[in-house]
């Protein structure tokens, strides 16, 4: 906080002030996260399946990267929230559904989870009628 007050006296722009604040926050979080990681690893025997995690990371990069490029070209930013919000929600829904589809294609457990969710939704909708 003292550094930020010091920078404000020298008329630093708000963006640079924000970057400075975020850098300080990140620098303080990294050692704490590493320390907690070491403590957890020392006290808990967790088996991490790197292949599964890699599948989820790859599918997230593919789907959300594709949606980013599509939205960058076709999503027009307007000040009118009534016009912009439905378009944005369409991209969010498509990206979430795309992520579930890609992960269900790559991982059998995710496919089983997706089928169970859809089955539960169908059963709830039939019971409510």
C-alpha atoms as a PDB file:
ATOM      1  CA  UNK A   1       0.000   0.000   0.000  1.00  0.00           C
ATOM      2  CA  UNK A   2       2.874   2.361   0.751  1.00  0.00           C
ATOM      3  CA  UNK A   3       4.317   1.755  -2.709  1.00  0.00           C
ATOM      4  CA  UNK A   4       1.002   2.564  -4.326  1.00  0.00           C
ATOM      5  CA  UNK A   5       0.673   5.776  -2.346  1.00  0.00           C
ATOM      6  CA  UNK A   6       4.238   6.595  -3.372  1.00  0.00           C
ATOM      7  CA  UNK A   7       3.381   6.000  -7.031  1.00  0.00           C
ATOM      8  CA  UNK A   8       0.253   8.155  -6.807  1.00  0.00           C
ATOM      9  CA  UNK A   9       2.385  11.155  -5.868  1.00  0.00           C
ATOM     10  CA  UNK A  10       4.275  10.825  -9.168  1.00  0.00           C
ATOM     11  CA  UNK A  11       1.080  10.910 -11.283  1.00  0.00           C
ATOM     12  CA  UNK A  12       1.252   7.333 -12.514  1.00  0.00           C
ATOM     13  CA  UNK A  13      -1.685   6.369 -14.701  1.00  0.00           C
ATOM     14  CA  UNK A  14      -4.472   4.250 -13.264  1.00  0.00           C
ATOM     15  CA  UNK A  15      -3.604   1.359 -15.569  1.00  0.00           C
ATOM     16  CA  UNK A  16       0.000   1.265 -14.392  1.00  0.00           C
ATOM     17  CA  UNK A  17      -1.190   1.542 -10.803  1.00  0.00           C
ATOM     18  CA  UNK A  18      -3.502  -1.418 -11.368  1.00  0.00           C
ATOM     19  CA  UNK A  19      -0.704  -3.461 -12.953  1.00  0.00           C
ATOM     20  CA  UNK A  20       1.558  -2.645 -10.012  1.00  0.00           C
ATOM     21  CA  UNK A  21      -1.135  -3.669  -7.514  1.00  0.00           C
ATOM     22  CA  UNK A  22      -1.844  -6.928  -9.387  1.00  0.00           C
ATOM     23  CA  UNK A  23       1.874  -7.732  -9.575  1.00  0.00           C
ATOM     24  CA  UNK A  24       2.258  -7.297  -5.828  1.00  0.00           C
ATOM     25  CA  UNK A  25      -0.770  -9.506  -5.215  1.00  0.00           C
ATOM     26  CA  UNK A  26       0.591 -12.225  -7.522  1.00  0.00           C
ATOM     27  CA  UNK A  27       4.070 -12.072  -6.026  1.00  0.00           C
ATOM     28  CA  UNK A  28       2.684 -12.566  -2.528  1.00  0.00           C
ATOM     29  CA  UNK A  29       0.384 -15.424  -3.563  1.00  0.00           C
ATOM     30  CA  UNK A  30       2.956 -17.549  -5.413  1.00  0.00           C
ATOM     31  CA  UNK A  31       5.181 -18.421  -2.397  1.00  0.00           C
ATOM     32  CA  UNK A  32       2.136 -19.059  -0.230  1.00  0.00           C
ATOM     33  CA  UNK A  33       0.662 -21.380  -2.855  1.00  0.00           C
ATOM     34  CA  UNK A  34       3.934 -23.275  -3.203  1.00  0.00           C
ATOM     35  CA  UNK A  35       4.229 -23.623   0.576  1.00  0.00           C
ATOM     36  CA  UNK A  36       0.670 -24.949   0.857  1.00  0.00           C
ATOM     37  CA  UNK A  37       1.303 -27.330  -2.053  1.00  0.00           C
ATOM     38  CA  UNK A  38       4.349 -28.759  -0.269  1.00  0.00           C
ATOM     39  CA  UNK A  39       2.375 -29.131   2.986  1.00  0.00           C
ATOM     40  CA  UNK A  40      -0.509 -30.899   1.275  1.00  0.00           C
ATOM     41  CA  UNK A  41       1.812 -33.164  -0.685  1.00  0.00           C
ATOM     42  CA  UNK A  42       3.694 -34.060   2.486  1.00  0.00           C
ATOM     43  CA  UNK A  43       0.570 -34.836   4.538  1.00  0.00           C
ATOM     44  CA  UNK A  44      -1.799 -36.304   1.941  1.00  0.00           C
ATOM     45  CA  UNK A  45      -1.141 -39.057  -0.539  1.00  0.00           C
ATOM     46  CA  UNK A  46      -3.127 -37.891  -3.534  1.00  0.00           C
ATOM     47  CA  UNK A  47      -2.700 -39.715  -6.808  1.00  0.00           C
ATOM     48  CA  UNK A  48      -3.055 -37.238  -9.616  1.00  0.00           C
ATOM     49  CA  UNK A  49      -3.883 -38.714 -12.980  1.00  0.00           C
ATOM     50  CA  UNK A  50      -2.001 -36.395 -15.269  1.00  0.00           C
ATOM     51  CA  UNK A  51      -3.539 -37.901 -18.394  1.00  0.00           C
ATOM     52  CA  UNK A  52      -7.058 -36.978 -17.275  1.00  0.00           C
ATOM     53  CA  UNK A  53      -6.025 -33.477 -16.256  1.00  0.00           C
ATOM     54  CA  UNK A  54      -4.234 -33.028 -19.574  1.00  0.00           C
ATOM     55  CA  UNK A  55      -7.384 -34.132 -21.434  1.00  0.00           C
ATOM     56  CA  UNK A  56      -9.442 -31.499 -19.625  1.00  0.00           C
ATOM     57  CA  UNK A  57      -6.838 -28.790 -20.184  1.00  0.00           C
ATOM     58  CA  UNK A  58      -6.552 -29.610 -23.890  1.00  0.00           C
ATOM     59  CA  UNK A  59     -10.316 -29.632 -24.341  1.00  0.00           C
ATOM     60  CA  UNK A  60     -10.624 -26.306 -22.488  1.00  0.00           C
ATOM     61  CA  UNK A  61      -7.917 -24.712 -24.624  1.00  0.00           C
ATOM     62  CA  UNK A  62      -9.534 -25.989 -27.823  1.00  0.00           C
ATOM     63  CA  UNK A  63     -13.102 -24.977 -27.010  1.00  0.00           C
ATOM     64  CA  UNK A  64     -12.508 -21.688 -25.241  1.00  0.00           C
ATOM     65  CA  UNK A  65      -9.735 -20.689 -27.659  1.00  0.00           C
ATOM     66  CA  UNK A  66     -12.081 -21.318 -30.584  1.00  0.00           C
ATOM     67  CA  UNK A  67     -14.873 -19.363 -28.900  1.00  0.00           C
ATOM     68  CA  UNK A  68     -12.432 -16.530 -28.163  1.00  0.00           C
ATOM     69  CA  UNK A  69     -11.445 -16.208 -31.821  1.00  0.00           C
ATOM     70  CA  UNK A  70     -15.044 -16.476 -33.003  1.00  0.00           C
ATOM     71  CA  UNK A  71     -16.272 -13.903 -30.503  1.00  0.00           C
ATOM     72  CA  UNK A  72     -13.377 -11.602 -31.325  1.00  0.00           C
ATOM     73  CA  UNK A  73     -14.506 -11.517 -34.967  1.00  0.00           C
ATOM     74  CA  UNK A  74     -18.288 -11.708 -34.656  1.00  0.00           C
ATOM     75  CA  UNK A  75     -19.293 -10.345 -31.236  1.00  0.00           C
ATOM     76  CA  UNK A  76     -19.867  -6.613 -31.467  1.00  0.00           C
ATOM     77  CA  UNK A  77     -19.536  -4.617 -28.274  1.00  0.00           C
ATOM     78  CA  UNK A  78     -22.280  -2.069 -27.812  1.00  0.00           C
ATOM     79  CA  UNK A  79     -23.231   0.215 -24.965  1.00  0.00           C
ATOM     80  CA  UNK A  80     -26.793  -1.072 -25.134  1.00  0.00           C
ATOM     81  CA  UNK A  81     -26.875  -3.906 -22.612  1.00  0.00           C
ATOM     82  CA  UNK A  82     -30.195  -5.251 -23.915  1.00  0.00           C
ATOM     83  CA  UNK A  83     -28.573  -5.908 -27.305  1.00  0.00           C
ATOM     84  CA  UNK A  84     -25.159  -7.048 -26.074  1.00  0.00           C
ATOM     85  CA  UNK A  85     -26.114  -9.379 -23.209  1.00  0.00           C
ATOM     86  CA  UNK A  86     -28.146 -11.933 -25.239  1.00  0.00           C
ATOM     87  CA  UNK A  87     -25.323 -12.197 -27.775  1.00  0.00           C
ATOM     88  CA  UNK A  88     -22.784 -12.694 -25.008  1.00  0.00           C
ATOM     89  CA  UNK A  89     -24.952 -15.298 -23.271  1.00  0.00           C
ATOM     90  CA  UNK A  90     -25.228 -17.211 -26.547  1.00  0.00           C
ATOM     91  CA  UNK A  91     -21.419 -17.419 -26.729  1.00  0.00           C
ATOM     92  CA  UNK A  92     -21.204 -18.488 -23.082  1.00  0.00           C
ATOM     93  CA  UNK A  93     -23.793 -21.235 -23.541  1.00  0.00           C
ATOM     94  CA  UNK A  94     -22.146 -22.496 -26.737  1.00  0.00           C
ATOM     95  CA  UNK A  95     -18.738 -22.568 -25.057  1.00  0.00           C
ATOM     96  CA  UNK A  96     -20.010 -24.487 -22.025  1.00  0.00           C
ATOM     97  CA  UNK A  97     -21.895 -27.000 -24.158  1.00  0.00           C
ATOM     98  CA  UNK A  98     -18.878 -27.356 -26.449  1.00  0.00           C
ATOM     99  CA  UNK A  99     -16.631 -28.028 -23.463  1.00  0.00           C
ATOM    100  CA  UNK A 100     -18.953 -30.751 -22.196  1.00  0.00           C
ATOM    101  CA  UNK A 101     -19.161 -32.340 -25.648  1.00  0.00           C
ATOM    102  CA  UNK A 102     -15.391 -32.346 -26.181  1.00  0.00           C
ATOM    103  CA  UNK A 103     -14.648 -33.700 -22.700  1.00  0.00           C
ATOM    104  CA  UNK A 104     -17.279 -36.412 -23.121  1.00  0.00           C
ATOM    105  CA  UNK A 105     -15.595 -37.428 -26.373  1.00  0.00           C
ATOM    106  CA  UNK A 106     -12.171 -37.599 -24.720  1.00  0.00           C
ATOM    107  CA  UNK A 107     -13.019 -39.112 -21.334  1.00  0.00           C
ATOM    108  CA  UNK A 108     -15.380 -41.985 -20.528  1.00  0.00           C
ATOM    109  CA  UNK A 109     -15.994 -40.752 -16.978  1.00  0.00           C
ATOM    110  CA  UNK A 110     -17.056 -37.365 -18.296  1.00  0.00           C
ATOM    111  CA  UNK A 111     -19.335 -39.099 -20.805  1.00  0.00           C
ATOM    112  CA  UNK A 112     -20.931 -41.095 -17.984  1.00  0.00           C
ATOM    113  CA  UNK A 113     -21.356 -37.914 -15.920  1.00  0.00           C
ATOM    114  CA  UNK A 114     -22.988 -36.092 -18.831  1.00  0.00           C
ATOM    115  CA  UNK A 115     -25.346 -39.008 -19.495  1.00  0.00           C
ATOM    116  CA  UNK A 116     -26.282 -39.160 -15.800  1.00  0.00           C
ATOM    117  CA  UNK A 117     -27.005 -35.428 -15.706  1.00  0.00           C
ATOM    118  CA  UNK A 118     -29.182 -35.624 -18.814  1.00  0.00           C
ATOM    119  CA  UNK A 119     -30.993 -38.675 -17.439  1.00  0.00           C
ATOM    120  CA  UNK A 120     -31.678 -36.879 -14.157  1.00  0.00           C
ATOM    121  CA  UNK A 121     -32.992 -33.814 -15.984  1.00  0.00           C
ATOM    122  CA  UNK A 122     -35.307 -35.993 -18.084  1.00  0.00           C
ATOM    123  CA  UNK A 123     -36.615 -37.793 -14.999  1.00  0.00           C
ATOM    124  CA  UNK A 124     -37.259 -34.509 -13.180  1.00  0.00           C
ATOM    125  CA  UNK A 125     -39.076 -33.054 -16.175  1.00  0.00           C
ATOM    126  CA  UNK A 126     -41.271 -36.165 -16.535  1.00  0.00           C
ATOM    127  CA  UNK A 127     -42.128 -36.124 -12.804  1.00  0.00           C
ATOM    128  CA  UNK A 128     -43.038 -32.464 -12.847  1.00  0.00           C
ATOM    129  CA  UNK A 129     -45.664 -32.949 -15.602  1.00  0.00           C
END
